[in-house]
Amino acid sequence: MPIYNKLVRDNILEIMDAKGVNYRARTLEPNELLTEVKTKMLEEAKEFHEATTVQDEVEELVDILELVHTAISILGVSYEELEAFRTQKKMERGGFDKRIYLIDVEDQ
């Protein structure tokens, strides 16, 4: 029996029930959820990094975006507030539109 020990989407257990799959699962305590969201986000970022088709890349981005929504909900931040923070940081530090790749920096 494979051991997963990870956060899964809400309907996964119903899907497994429909397939007749036996499993063990539990509901995370509120103080556990953010930690597991962070762990899942790293997993999804790795999958995005390894994706080789646009379809797979978009699917992984969807998973990351869902985790962002979950994380801001836990943190008590609205999506609009997150977007305002993003816009402010982009104004201050820029985005990634110029495709700048920093090679190194001379010590001062």
Protein backbone atom coordinates (compact mmCIF):
# COMPACT_ATOMS: atom_id res chain seq x y z
CA MET A 1 0.00 0.00 0.00
CA PRO A 2 1.56 3.33 -1.05
CA ILE A 3 1.89 5.96 1.70
CA TYR A 4 1.14 9.53 0.63
CA ASN A 5 0.96 11.68 3.78
CA LYS A 6 -0.01 14.77 1.81
CA LEU A 7 -2.77 17.29 1.30
CA VAL A 8 -5.16 16.33 -1.50
CA ARG A 9 -8.03 18.09 -3.24
CA ASP A 10 -11.46 17.99 -1.61
CA ASN A 11 -13.12 15.48 -3.95
CA ILE A 12 -10.30 12.91 -4.05
CA LEU A 13 -11.86 10.68 -1.39
CA GLU A 14 -15.20 10.58 -3.23
CA ILE A 15 -13.36 9.65 -6.43
CA MET A 16 -11.54 6.84 -4.64
CA ASP A 17 -14.82 5.67 -3.04
CA ALA A 18 -16.40 5.49 -6.49
CA LYS A 19 -13.51 3.33 -7.66
CA GLY A 20 -13.76 1.05 -4.62
CA VAL A 21 -10.31 2.04 -3.35
CA ASN A 22 -9.58 1.55 0.35
CA TYR A 23 -7.68 4.36 2.07
CA ARG A 24 -7.00 6.05 5.36
CA ALA A 25 -7.35 9.83 5.64
CA ARG A 26 -7.93 12.46 8.28
CA THR A 27 -8.94 16.10 8.47
CA LEU A 28 -6.05 18.43 9.21
CA GLU A 29 -6.19 20.67 12.24
CA PRO A 30 -6.25 24.39 11.36
CA ASN A 31 -2.68 24.84 12.64
CA GLU A 32 -1.47 22.04 10.31
CA LEU A 33 -3.09 23.30 7.13
CA LEU A 34 -0.72 26.17 6.21
CA THR A 35 2.31 23.91 6.67
CA GLU A 36 0.75 21.30 4.37
CA VAL A 37 -0.25 23.96 1.82
CA LYS A 38 3.38 25.12 1.70
CA THR A 39 4.58 21.55 1.24
CA LYS A 40 2.01 20.93 -1.50
CA MET A 41 2.99 24.17 -3.23
CA LEU A 42 6.60 22.97 -3.44
CA GLU A 43 5.37 19.67 -4.91
CA GLU A 44 3.27 21.47 -7.51
CA ALA A 45 6.11 23.89 -8.35
CA LYS A 46 8.39 20.90 -8.96
CA GLU A 47 5.74 19.34 -11.21
CA PHE A 48 5.41 22.66 -13.07
CA HIS A 49 9.19 22.71 -13.50
CA GLU A 50 9.16 19.17 -14.90
CA ALA A 51 6.12 19.65 -17.18
CA THR A 52 6.92 19.42 -20.88
CA THR A 53 3.67 20.45 -22.56
CA VAL A 54 1.64 23.63 -22.33
CA GLN A 55 -1.36 21.57 -21.14
CA ASP A 56 0.64 20.03 -18.29
CA GLU A 57 2.21 23.40 -17.40
CA VAL A 58 -1.22 25.04 -17.22
CA GLU A 59 -2.59 22.18 -15.08
CA GLU A 60 0.25 22.63 -12.60
CA LEU A 61 -0.30 26.40 -12.55
CA VAL A 62 -3.98 25.77 -11.78
CA ASP A 63 -2.94 23.63 -8.81
CA ILE A 64 -0.55 26.34 -7.62
CA LEU A 65 -3.25 28.99 -7.98
CA GLU A 66 -5.70 26.86 -5.98
CA LEU A 67 -3.07 26.57 -3.25
CA VAL A 68 -2.55 30.35 -3.33
CA HIS A 69 -6.30 30.81 -2.78
CA THR A 70 -6.20 28.36 0.13
CA ALA A 71 -3.14 30.02 1.67
CA ILE A 72 -4.54 33.55 1.55
CA SER A 73 -7.79 32.29 3.05
CA ILE A 74 -5.82 30.80 5.96
CA LEU A 75 -3.87 34.04 6.34
CA GLY A 76 -7.03 36.16 6.25
CA VAL A 77 -6.02 38.02 3.08
CA SER A 78 -8.39 38.54 0.16
CA TYR A 79 -7.35 37.89 -3.42
CA GLU A 80 -7.80 41.62 -4.07
CA GLU A 81 -5.38 42.43 -1.24
CA LEU A 82 -2.89 39.89 -2.60
CA GLU A 83 -3.18 41.46 -6.04
CA ALA A 84 -2.63 44.93 -4.52
CA PHE A 85 0.54 43.64 -2.79
CA ARG A 86 1.68 42.10 -6.09
CA THR A 87 1.07 45.35 -7.98
CA GLN A 88 2.93 47.39 -5.34
CA LYS A 89 5.92 45.03 -5.40
CA LYS A 90 5.96 45.11 -9.21
CA MET A 91 5.99 48.92 -9.12
CA GLU A 92 8.88 48.93 -6.64
CA ARG A 93 11.02 46.06 -7.97
CA GLY A 94 9.57 45.31 -11.38
CA GLY A 95 8.14 42.10 -12.77
CA PHE A 96 9.84 39.52 -14.93
CA ASP A 97 8.80 40.93 -18.31
CA LYS A 98 12.33 41.95 -19.32
CA ARG A 99 13.61 38.36 -18.93
CA ILE A 100 16.72 39.50 -17.02
CA TYR A 101 18.98 36.63 -15.92
CA LEU A 102 21.62 37.78 -13.39
CA ILE A 103 24.90 35.92 -13.83
CA ASP A 104 26.96 37.26 -10.94
CA VAL A 105 27.71 40.34 -8.87
CA GLU A 106 31.15 41.68 -8.04
CA ASP A 107 31.89 41.90 -4.31
CA GLN A 108 32.16 45.45 -3.00
